[in-house]
Amino acid sequence: MSVLASPEEIDAARTPKGGWTRAQLAEWGVPWPAEKGWKAELIARWETGQQGHAPAPR
């Protein structure tokens, strides 16, 4: 089962070199090697999952 990561969680999971590990992508359900557009697709899935929920406080 993949985890729905928020845009903030995606950015926070970057490695010091600015990428993401294979293990992290697998946790989110992103195949390796990650194809172009994976981040936008992951954010869209998260946004869809948030519909019907109260927005997070900022």
Protein backbone atom coordinates (compact mmCIF):
# COMPACT_ATOMS: atom_id res chain seq x y z
CA MET A 1 0.00 0.00 0.00
CA SER A 2 1.35 3.41 -0.91
CA VAL A 3 1.34 6.41 1.38
CA LEU A 4 -0.33 9.66 0.33
CA ALA A 5 2.39 12.23 0.89
CA SER A 6 1.63 15.93 1.10
CA PRO A 7 3.62 18.38 -1.04
CA GLU A 8 5.48 19.43 2.11
CA GLU A 9 6.35 15.80 2.95
CA ILE A 10 7.60 15.24 -0.59
CA ASP A 11 9.92 18.24 -0.40
CA ALA A 12 11.11 17.32 3.10
CA ALA A 13 12.10 13.83 1.93
CA ARG A 14 14.72 15.11 -0.52
CA THR A 15 18.23 13.82 -0.02
CA PRO A 16 21.09 16.28 0.56
CA LYS A 17 21.80 16.06 -3.21
CA GLY A 18 18.21 17.10 -4.01
CA GLY A 19 16.75 13.79 -5.17
CA TRP A 20 14.71 11.02 -3.57
CA THR A 21 15.76 7.50 -2.65
CA ARG A 22 14.40 4.44 -4.38
CA ALA A 23 13.01 3.25 -1.03
CA GLN A 24 11.18 6.55 -0.45
CA LEU A 25 9.63 6.50 -3.90
CA ALA A 26 8.56 2.89 -3.39
CA GLU A 27 6.83 3.87 -0.13
CA TRP A 28 4.81 6.40 -2.11
CA GLY A 29 4.03 3.86 -4.84
CA VAL A 30 6.27 5.51 -7.45
CA PRO A 31 8.04 2.96 -9.71
CA TRP A 32 11.81 3.03 -10.20
CA PRO A 33 13.17 4.66 -12.21
CA ALA A 34 10.68 7.45 -11.61
CA GLU A 35 9.12 8.76 -14.80
CA LYS A 36 8.70 12.41 -15.67
CA GLY A 37 5.68 13.89 -13.91
CA TRP A 38 5.68 11.52 -10.92
CA LYS A 39 5.73 14.36 -8.39
CA ALA A 40 2.74 16.16 -9.94
CA GLU A 41 0.81 12.87 -10.07
CA LEU A 42 1.61 12.14 -6.42
CA ILE A 43 0.47 15.63 -5.37
CA ALA A 44 -2.74 15.24 -7.42
CA ARG A 45 -3.47 11.93 -5.63
CA TRP A 46 -2.90 13.64 -2.27
CA GLU A 47 -5.19 16.54 -3.21
CA THR A 48 -7.91 14.11 -4.30
CA GLY A 49 -7.56 12.30 -0.98
CA GLN A 50 -8.01 15.60 0.87
CA GLN A 51 -11.38 16.37 -0.69
CA GLY A 52 -14.04 16.27 1.95
CA HIS A 53 -11.57 16.96 4.74
CA ALA A 54 -11.02 20.27 6.45
CA PRO A 55 -7.94 22.09 5.15
CA ALA A 56 -4.82 21.82 7.26
CA PRO A 57 -4.06 24.86 9.41
CA ARG A 58 -1.23 27.02 8.08
